[in-house]
Amino acid sequence: MDETYVKVNGKWKYLYRAVDKEGNTIDYLLRAKRNKRAARKFFNKAIDSNGVPDKINIDKSGSNKAGIEGYNQENGTLIEIRQCKYLNNIVEQDHRFIKRIIRPMLGFKSFLSASITLAGIEVVRMLKKNQLLKRKSVASSFDQFCWLAQ
């Protein structure tokens, strides 16, 4: 799990992203601030849709650690926190593909347009990774997109 910066209306906002050890996107969330509350919101969203993980690799961010510890205390879970910048390389490399698309846009005008556009970019990225549909009969990204559009 990690966050990256996105420029919205001339100010930096935070795109929280999580990927698993195979590089598949688990979840993403655009937030205005980087604090414990934002981290908790992201963790709640990711865990609600994907289940409770055994371990989470994060960088040295204190807000992310506080968010996970708060989740553990509130829900009685024992999620192991591993704070090592080298273990976080998978998500850092996955940021590169998102940033490559965002950089030429020179930022967004509103928070709403940024969140909608980033959701679309994330879905396309997930299609390219063949992670939305695990069916053998649907192989290409185009076929997956057509199946989703039905």
N, C-alpha and C. Protein backbone atom coordinates (compact mmCIF):
# COMPACT_ATOMS: atom_id res chain seq x y z
N MET A 1 0.85 -1.17 0.00
CA MET A 1 0.00 0.00 0.00
C MET A 1 0.89 1.23 0.00
N ASP A 2 0.48 2.20 -0.80
CA ASP A 2 1.25 3.43 -0.87
C ASP A 2 0.35 4.53 -1.42
N GLU A 3 0.82 5.74 -1.36
CA GLU A 3 0.08 6.85 -1.95
C GLU A 3 1.00 7.61 -2.89
N THR A 4 0.39 8.25 -3.86
CA THR A 4 1.12 9.09 -4.80
C THR A 4 0.40 10.42 -4.91
N TYR A 5 1.05 11.39 -5.50
CA TYR A 5 0.49 12.73 -5.57
C TYR A 5 -0.15 12.98 -6.92
N VAL A 6 -1.28 13.72 -6.90
CA VAL A 6 -1.98 14.12 -8.11
C VAL A 6 -2.33 15.59 -7.95
N LYS A 7 -2.09 16.39 -8.97
CA LYS A 7 -2.39 17.82 -8.90
C LYS A 7 -3.85 18.07 -9.28
N VAL A 8 -4.62 18.68 -8.35
CA VAL A 8 -6.02 19.01 -8.56
C VAL A 8 -6.19 20.49 -8.25
N ASN A 9 -6.59 21.26 -9.27
CA ASN A 9 -6.81 22.70 -9.12
C ASN A 9 -5.57 23.41 -8.54
N GLY A 10 -4.39 22.98 -8.99
CA GLY A 10 -3.15 23.61 -8.57
C GLY A 10 -2.61 23.16 -7.23
N LYS A 11 -3.29 22.22 -6.56
CA LYS A 11 -2.85 21.72 -5.25
C LYS A 11 -2.67 20.21 -5.33
N TRP A 12 -1.72 19.72 -4.54
CA TRP A 12 -1.45 18.30 -4.54
C TRP A 12 -2.45 17.56 -3.67
N LYS A 13 -3.03 16.49 -4.22
CA LYS A 13 -3.93 15.58 -3.51
C LYS A 13 -3.29 14.20 -3.51
N TYR A 14 -3.86 13.28 -2.77
CA TYR A 14 -3.22 11.99 -2.55
C TYR A 14 -4.06 10.86 -3.10
N LEU A 15 -3.46 10.06 -3.98
CA LEU A 15 -4.10 8.88 -4.53
C LEU A 15 -3.55 7.67 -3.80
N TYR A 16 -4.36 7.12 -2.90
CA TYR A 16 -3.98 5.92 -2.17
C TYR A 16 -4.22 4.72 -3.07
N ARG A 17 -3.25 3.82 -3.13
CA ARG A 17 -3.36 2.63 -3.96
C ARG A 17 -2.78 1.44 -3.23
N ALA A 18 -3.37 0.28 -3.48
CA ALA A 18 -2.87 -0.97 -2.90
C ALA A 18 -2.82 -2.02 -4.00
N VAL A 19 -1.75 -2.78 -4.02
CA VAL A 19 -1.62 -3.91 -4.95
C VAL A 19 -1.18 -5.13 -4.16
N ASP A 20 -1.50 -6.32 -4.69
CA ASP A 20 -1.07 -7.54 -4.03
C ASP A 20 0.32 -7.93 -4.52
N LYS A 21 0.84 -9.06 -4.04
CA LYS A 21 2.22 -9.42 -4.38
C LYS A 21 2.39 -9.82 -5.84
N GLU A 22 1.28 -10.14 -6.55
CA GLU A 22 1.35 -10.42 -7.98
C GLU A 22 1.25 -9.14 -8.81
N GLY A 23 0.98 -8.00 -8.18
CA GLY A 23 0.87 -6.74 -8.90
C GLY A 23 -0.55 -6.38 -9.28
N ASN A 24 -1.54 -7.17 -8.87
CA ASN A 24 -2.94 -6.86 -9.16
C ASN A 24 -3.42 -5.74 -8.25
N THR A 25 -4.18 -4.81 -8.82
CA THR A 25 -4.70 -3.69 -8.05
C THR A 25 -5.77 -4.18 -7.09
N ILE A 26 -5.62 -3.84 -5.82
CA ILE A 26 -6.62 -4.22 -4.82
C ILE A 26 -7.66 -3.11 -4.71
N ASP A 27 -7.20 -1.88 -4.52
CA ASP A 27 -8.13 -0.77 -4.40
C ASP A 27 -7.38 0.54 -4.57
N TYR A 28 -8.15 1.63 -4.73
CA TYR A 28 -7.58 2.97 -4.88
C TYR A 28 -8.59 3.97 -4.33
N LEU A 29 -8.09 5.12 -3.89
CA LEU A 29 -8.95 6.16 -3.33
C LEU A 29 -8.23 7.49 -3.40
N LEU A 30 -8.89 8.50 -3.92
CA LEU A 30 -8.34 9.86 -3.98
C LEU A 30 -8.81 10.63 -2.76
N ARG A 31 -7.87 11.20 -2.01
CA ARG A 31 -8.19 11.96 -0.81
C ARG A 31 -7.49 13.32 -0.85
N ALA A 32 -8.08 14.29 -0.18
CA ALA A 32 -7.53 15.64 -0.17
C ALA A 32 -6.34 15.76 0.78
N LYS A 33 -6.33 14.98 1.85
CA LYS A 33 -5.27 15.08 2.84
C LYS A 33 -4.61 13.74 3.06
N ARG A 34 -3.39 13.80 3.58
CA ARG A 34 -2.65 12.60 3.93
C ARG A 34 -2.53 12.56 5.45
N ASN A 35 -3.52 11.93 6.07
CA ASN A 35 -3.52 11.84 7.53
C ASN A 35 -4.13 10.50 7.96
N LYS A 36 -4.27 10.31 9.26
CA LYS A 36 -4.77 9.05 9.78
C LYS A 36 -6.20 8.79 9.30
N ARG A 37 -7.02 9.82 9.25
CA ARG A 37 -8.41 9.66 8.83
C ARG A 37 -8.50 9.20 7.37
N ALA A 38 -7.68 9.77 6.51
CA ALA A 38 -7.66 9.38 5.10
C ALA A 38 -7.18 7.93 4.96
N ALA A 39 -6.14 7.57 5.70
CA ALA A 39 -5.62 6.21 5.65
C ALA A 39 -6.66 5.21 6.14
N ARG A 40 -7.36 5.54 7.23
CA ARG A 40 -8.41 4.65 7.75
C ARG A 40 -9.53 4.47 6.73
N LYS A 41 -9.93 5.54 6.07
CA LYS A 41 -10.98 5.47 5.05
C LYS A 41 -10.55 4.53 3.93
N PHE A 42 -9.30 4.65 3.50
CA PHE A 42 -8.80 3.78 2.44
C PHE A 42 -8.75 2.33 2.89
N PHE A 43 -8.23 2.08 4.09
CA PHE A 43 -8.15 0.71 4.58
C PHE A 43 -9.52 0.08 4.75
N ASN A 44 -10.48 0.84 5.27
CA ASN A 44 -11.84 0.32 5.40
C ASN A 44 -12.42 -0.05 4.04
N LYS A 45 -12.22 0.81 3.05
CA LYS A 45 -12.74 0.55 1.71
C LYS A 45 -12.07 -0.69 1.11
N ALA A 46 -10.77 -0.78 1.22
CA ALA A 46 -10.03 -1.90 0.63
C ALA A 46 -10.37 -3.22 1.32
N ILE A 47 -10.47 -3.20 2.63
CA ILE A 47 -10.75 -4.43 3.37
C ILE A 47 -12.20 -4.86 3.18
N ASP A 48 -13.13 -3.91 3.09
CA ASP A 48 -14.53 -4.27 2.85
C ASP A 48 -14.71 -4.97 1.52
N SER A 49 -13.97 -4.55 0.50
CA SER A 49 -14.15 -5.15 -0.82
C SER A 49 -13.27 -6.36 -1.08
N ASN A 50 -12.19 -6.55 -0.31
CA ASN A 50 -11.24 -7.63 -0.61
C ASN A 50 -10.93 -8.55 0.56
N GLY A 51 -11.41 -8.27 1.74
CA GLY A 51 -11.12 -9.11 2.89
C GLY A 51 -9.91 -8.62 3.67
N VAL A 52 -9.73 -9.20 4.84
CA VAL A 52 -8.65 -8.78 5.75
C VAL A 52 -7.34 -9.46 5.34
N PRO A 53 -6.28 -8.69 5.09
CA PRO A 53 -4.99 -9.30 4.74
C PRO A 53 -4.24 -9.75 5.99
N ASP A 54 -3.24 -10.61 5.78
CA ASP A 54 -2.37 -11.04 6.87
C ASP A 54 -1.31 -9.99 7.16
N LYS A 55 -0.73 -9.43 6.08
CA LYS A 55 0.36 -8.46 6.19
C LYS A 55 0.09 -7.30 5.25
N ILE A 56 0.59 -6.13 5.63
CA ILE A 56 0.54 -4.95 4.76
C ILE A 56 1.93 -4.33 4.75
N ASN A 57 2.46 -4.14 3.53
CA ASN A 57 3.75 -3.46 3.37
C ASN A 57 3.47 -1.99 3.10
N ILE A 58 4.07 -1.13 3.90
CA ILE A 58 3.92 0.31 3.72
C ILE A 58 5.29 0.95 3.81
N ASP A 59 5.37 2.23 3.42
CA ASP A 59 6.61 2.97 3.60
C ASP A 59 6.65 3.50 5.03
N LYS A 60 7.48 4.45 5.29
CA LYS A 60 7.65 4.95 6.66
C LYS A 60 6.61 5.99 7.07
N SER A 61 5.49 6.04 6.37
CA SER A 61 4.44 7.01 6.67
C SER A 61 3.78 6.72 8.02
N GLY A 62 3.80 7.69 8.90
CA GLY A 62 3.18 7.53 10.21
C GLY A 62 1.67 7.47 10.15
N SER A 63 1.07 8.18 9.18
CA SER A 63 -0.39 8.17 9.08
C SER A 63 -0.90 6.81 8.62
N ASN A 64 -0.19 6.16 7.72
CA ASN A 64 -0.60 4.83 7.28
C ASN A 64 -0.49 3.82 8.41
N LYS A 65 0.59 3.90 9.16
CA LYS A 65 0.77 2.98 10.30
C LYS A 65 -0.32 3.22 11.34
N ALA A 66 -0.62 4.48 11.63
CA ALA A 66 -1.67 4.79 12.60
C ALA A 66 -3.03 4.31 12.10
N GLY A 67 -3.28 4.42 10.79
CA GLY A 67 -4.53 3.95 10.22
C GLY A 67 -4.70 2.45 10.37
N ILE A 68 -3.65 1.69 10.11
CA ILE A 68 -3.72 0.22 10.25
C ILE A 68 -3.86 -0.16 11.72
N GLU A 69 -3.09 0.49 12.60
CA GLU A 69 -3.20 0.18 14.02
C GLU A 69 -4.59 0.51 14.55
N GLY A 70 -5.17 1.61 14.09
CA GLY A 70 -6.53 1.96 14.48
C GLY A 70 -7.54 0.93 14.00
N TYR A 71 -7.36 0.43 12.78
CA TYR A 71 -8.24 -0.61 12.26
C TYR A 71 -8.11 -1.88 13.08
N ASN A 72 -6.87 -2.25 13.43
CA ASN A 72 -6.65 -3.45 14.24
C ASN A 72 -7.34 -3.33 15.60
N GLN A 73 -7.22 -2.19 16.25
CA GLN A 73 -7.84 -2.00 17.56
C GLN A 73 -9.36 -2.01 17.48
N GLU A 74 -9.91 -1.35 16.49
CA GLU A 74 -11.36 -1.24 16.37
C GLU A 74 -12.02 -2.56 16.02
N ASN A 75 -11.37 -3.36 15.18
CA ASN A 75 -11.98 -4.59 14.68
C ASN A 75 -11.40 -5.86 15.29
N GLY A 76 -10.42 -5.74 16.15
CA GLY A 76 -9.83 -6.91 16.80
C GLY A 76 -9.05 -7.80 15.85
N THR A 77 -8.49 -7.23 14.80
CA THR A 77 -7.69 -8.00 13.85
C THR A 77 -6.21 -7.89 14.20
N LEU A 78 -5.42 -8.76 13.60
CA LEU A 78 -3.98 -8.75 13.81
C LEU A 78 -3.25 -8.63 12.48
N ILE A 79 -3.45 -7.53 11.79
CA ILE A 79 -2.77 -7.30 10.52
C ILE A 79 -1.34 -6.90 10.83
N GLU A 80 -0.40 -7.65 10.27
CA GLU A 80 1.02 -7.35 10.49
C GLU A 80 1.43 -6.18 9.61
N ILE A 81 2.12 -5.21 10.20
CA ILE A 81 2.59 -4.03 9.48
C ILE A 81 4.08 -4.20 9.21
N ARG A 82 4.46 -4.12 7.94
CA ARG A 82 5.87 -4.19 7.57
C ARG A 82 6.24 -2.87 6.93
N GLN A 83 7.06 -2.08 7.62
CA GLN A 83 7.49 -0.78 7.12
C GLN A 83 8.89 -0.88 6.57
N CYS A 84 8.97 -1.09 5.28
CA CYS A 84 10.26 -1.18 4.60
C CYS A 84 10.08 -0.66 3.18
N LYS A 85 10.85 0.34 2.81
CA LYS A 85 10.66 0.94 1.50
C LYS A 85 10.99 -0.02 0.36
N TYR A 86 11.84 -1.02 0.60
CA TYR A 86 12.20 -1.95 -0.46
C TYR A 86 11.10 -2.97 -0.71
N LEU A 87 10.31 -3.31 0.31
CA LEU A 87 9.21 -4.25 0.12
C LEU A 87 8.03 -3.60 -0.60
N ASN A 88 8.05 -2.30 -0.70
CA ASN A 88 6.96 -1.54 -1.31
C ASN A 88 7.20 -1.27 -2.79
N ASN A 89 8.23 -1.90 -3.38
CA ASN A 89 8.59 -1.60 -4.77
C ASN A 89 7.52 -1.99 -5.77
N ILE A 90 6.72 -3.01 -5.49
CA ILE A 90 5.69 -3.45 -6.44
C ILE A 90 4.68 -2.33 -6.65
N VAL A 91 4.20 -1.74 -5.58
CA VAL A 91 3.21 -0.67 -5.72
C VAL A 91 3.87 0.60 -6.28
N GLU A 92 5.11 0.86 -5.94
CA GLU A 92 5.81 2.02 -6.49
C GLU A 92 5.95 1.89 -8.01
N GLN A 93 6.26 0.70 -8.49
CA GLN A 93 6.37 0.48 -9.93
C GLN A 93 5.02 0.57 -10.62
N ASP A 94 3.95 0.16 -9.92
CA ASP A 94 2.61 0.24 -10.49
C ASP A 94 2.14 1.69 -10.60
N HIS A 95 2.62 2.57 -9.71
CA HIS A 95 2.30 4.00 -9.80
C HIS A 95 2.78 4.58 -11.14
N ARG A 96 3.88 4.04 -11.64
CA ARG A 96 4.50 4.58 -12.84
C ARG A 96 3.53 4.61 -14.02
N PHE A 97 2.73 3.55 -14.17
CA PHE A 97 1.81 3.47 -15.30
C PHE A 97 0.68 4.49 -15.17
N ILE A 98 0.23 4.73 -13.94
CA ILE A 98 -0.82 5.71 -13.71
C ILE A 98 -0.27 7.11 -13.94
N LYS A 99 0.91 7.39 -13.41
CA LYS A 99 1.53 8.71 -13.56
C LYS A 99 1.86 9.02 -15.01
N ARG A 100 2.20 8.01 -15.80
CA ARG A 100 2.52 8.21 -17.21
C ARG A 100 1.31 8.75 -17.96
N ILE A 101 0.11 8.34 -17.56
CA ILE A 101 -1.10 8.82 -18.20
C ILE A 101 -1.51 10.19 -17.65
N ILE A 102 -1.31 10.41 -16.36
CA ILE A 102 -1.74 11.65 -15.71
C ILE A 102 -0.84 12.83 -16.06
N ARG A 103 0.45 12.60 -16.18
CA ARG A 103 1.42 13.69 -16.36
C ARG A 103 1.11 14.62 -17.53
N PRO A 104 0.77 14.11 -18.71
CA PRO A 104 0.46 15.04 -19.81
C PRO A 104 -0.81 15.85 -19.59
N MET A 105 -1.66 15.45 -18.68
CA MET A 105 -2.90 16.19 -18.41
C MET A 105 -2.64 17.50 -17.68
N LEU A 106 -1.50 17.63 -17.06
CA LEU A 106 -1.11 18.83 -16.31
C LEU A 106 -2.07 19.16 -15.17
N GLY A 107 -2.63 18.15 -14.56
CA GLY A 107 -3.51 18.35 -13.42
C GLY A 107 -4.97 18.36 -13.80
N PHE A 108 -5.82 18.36 -12.78
CA PHE A 108 -7.26 18.35 -12.96
C PHE A 108 -7.84 19.66 -12.45
N LYS A 109 -9.01 20.04 -12.94
CA LYS A 109 -9.66 21.29 -12.53
C LYS A 109 -10.48 21.14 -11.26
N SER A 110 -11.07 19.96 -11.05
CA SER A 110 -11.88 19.77 -9.85
C SER A 110 -11.62 18.38 -9.26
N PHE A 111 -11.92 18.26 -7.98
CA PHE A 111 -11.71 17.00 -7.27
C PHE A 111 -12.62 15.91 -7.85
N LEU A 112 -13.85 16.27 -8.18
CA LEU A 112 -14.79 15.30 -8.74
C LEU A 112 -14.31 14.78 -10.08
N SER A 113 -13.88 15.66 -10.96
CA SER A 113 -13.40 15.20 -12.27
C SER A 113 -12.14 14.36 -12.11
N ALA A 114 -11.30 14.69 -11.15
CA ALA A 114 -10.09 13.90 -10.91
C ALA A 114 -10.45 12.49 -10.44
N SER A 115 -11.40 12.38 -9.51
CA SER A 115 -11.75 11.06 -8.99
C SER A 115 -12.41 10.20 -10.06
N ILE A 116 -13.25 10.80 -10.91
CA ILE A 116 -13.90 10.04 -11.98
C ILE A 116 -12.88 9.60 -13.02
N THR A 117 -12.00 10.50 -13.42
CA THR A 117 -10.98 10.17 -14.43
C THR A 117 -10.01 9.12 -13.90
N LEU A 118 -9.59 9.26 -12.65
CA LEU A 118 -8.66 8.29 -12.07
C LEU A 118 -9.31 6.92 -11.93
N ALA A 119 -10.61 6.87 -11.64
CA ALA A 119 -11.31 5.59 -11.57
C ALA A 119 -11.29 4.92 -12.94
N GLY A 120 -11.51 5.68 -14.00
CA GLY A 120 -11.44 5.12 -15.35
C GLY A 120 -10.05 4.64 -15.71
N ILE A 121 -9.04 5.41 -15.33
CA ILE A 121 -7.66 5.01 -15.60
C ILE A 121 -7.33 3.72 -14.86
N GLU A 122 -7.77 3.61 -13.61
CA GLU A 122 -7.52 2.40 -12.83
C GLU A 122 -8.22 1.19 -13.43
N VAL A 123 -9.45 1.36 -13.92
CA VAL A 123 -10.17 0.24 -14.53
C VAL A 123 -9.46 -0.22 -15.80
N VAL A 124 -9.01 0.73 -16.63
CA VAL A 124 -8.28 0.36 -17.84
C VAL A 124 -6.99 -0.37 -17.47
N ARG A 125 -6.32 0.10 -16.44
CA ARG A 125 -5.09 -0.57 -15.98
C ARG A 125 -5.38 -1.99 -15.51
N MET A 126 -6.49 -2.16 -14.81
CA MET A 126 -6.87 -3.50 -14.34
C MET A 126 -7.24 -4.39 -15.53
N LEU A 127 -7.86 -3.83 -16.55
CA LEU A 127 -8.15 -4.60 -17.77
C LEU A 127 -6.86 -5.07 -18.44
N LYS A 128 -5.86 -4.18 -18.50
CA LYS A 128 -4.60 -4.55 -19.13
C LYS A 128 -3.88 -5.65 -18.35
N LYS A 129 -4.11 -5.69 -17.05
CA LYS A 129 -3.50 -6.73 -16.23
C LYS A 129 -4.33 -8.02 -16.21
N ASN A 130 -5.44 -8.02 -16.96
CA ASN A 130 -6.35 -9.18 -17.02
C ASN A 130 -6.82 -9.61 -15.64
N GLN A 131 -7.15 -8.65 -14.81
CA GLN A 131 -7.54 -9.02 -13.46
C GLN A 131 -9.03 -8.86 -13.19
N LEU A 132 -9.77 -8.17 -14.05
CA LEU A 132 -11.20 -7.99 -13.79
C LEU A 132 -11.99 -9.27 -14.02
N LEU A 133 -11.67 -9.97 -15.05
CA LEU A 133 -12.37 -11.21 -15.34
C LEU A 133 -11.36 -12.35 -15.34
N LYS A 134 -11.62 -13.32 -14.54
CA LYS A 134 -10.71 -14.46 -14.45
C LYS A 134 -11.19 -15.63 -15.30
N ARG A 135 -12.13 -15.36 -16.23
CA ARG A 135 -12.65 -16.41 -17.09
C ARG A 135 -11.66 -16.70 -18.20
N LYS A 136 -11.54 -17.97 -18.57
CA LYS A 136 -10.61 -18.38 -19.63
C LYS A 136 -11.12 -17.97 -21.01
N SER A 137 -12.46 -17.91 -21.19
CA SER A 137 -13.01 -17.62 -22.51
C SER A 137 -12.82 -16.16 -22.92
N VAL A 138 -12.59 -15.27 -21.97
CA VAL A 138 -12.40 -13.86 -22.27
C VAL A 138 -10.92 -13.54 -22.07
N ALA A 139 -10.20 -13.39 -23.18
CA ALA A 139 -8.76 -13.26 -23.07
C ALA A 139 -8.27 -11.83 -23.23
N SER A 140 -8.79 -11.10 -24.20
CA SER A 140 -8.22 -9.78 -24.49
C SER A 140 -8.88 -8.69 -23.65
N SER A 141 -8.19 -7.56 -23.56
CA SER A 141 -8.73 -6.40 -22.84
C SER A 141 -9.99 -5.89 -23.51
N PHE A 142 -10.03 -5.93 -24.85
CA PHE A 142 -11.21 -5.48 -25.57
C PHE A 142 -12.42 -6.36 -25.24
N ASP A 143 -12.21 -7.68 -25.20
CA ASP A 143 -13.31 -8.59 -24.85
C ASP A 143 -13.80 -8.33 -23.43
N GLN A 144 -12.88 -8.06 -22.51
CA GLN A 144 -13.29 -7.76 -21.14
C GLN A 144 -14.08 -6.47 -21.08
N PHE A 145 -13.64 -5.45 -21.82
CA PHE A 145 -14.35 -4.18 -21.85
C PHE A 145 -15.76 -4.35 -22.41
N CYS A 146 -15.87 -5.11 -23.50
CA CYS A 146 -17.19 -5.36 -24.10
C CYS A 146 -18.08 -6.11 -23.13
N TRP A 147 -17.53 -7.06 -22.40
CA TRP A 147 -18.32 -7.81 -21.43
C TRP A 147 -18.81 -6.89 -20.31
N LEU A 148 -17.95 -5.98 -19.86
CA LEU A 148 -18.34 -5.03 -18.81
C LEU A 148 -19.38 -4.03 -19.31
N ALA A 149 -19.32 -3.66 -20.59
CA ALA A 149 -20.23 -2.67 -21.15
C ALA A 149 -21.64 -3.21 -21.37
N GLN A 150 -21.79 -4.52 -21.36
CA GLN A 150 -23.13 -5.11 -21.58
C GLN A 150 -24.09 -4.78 -20.47
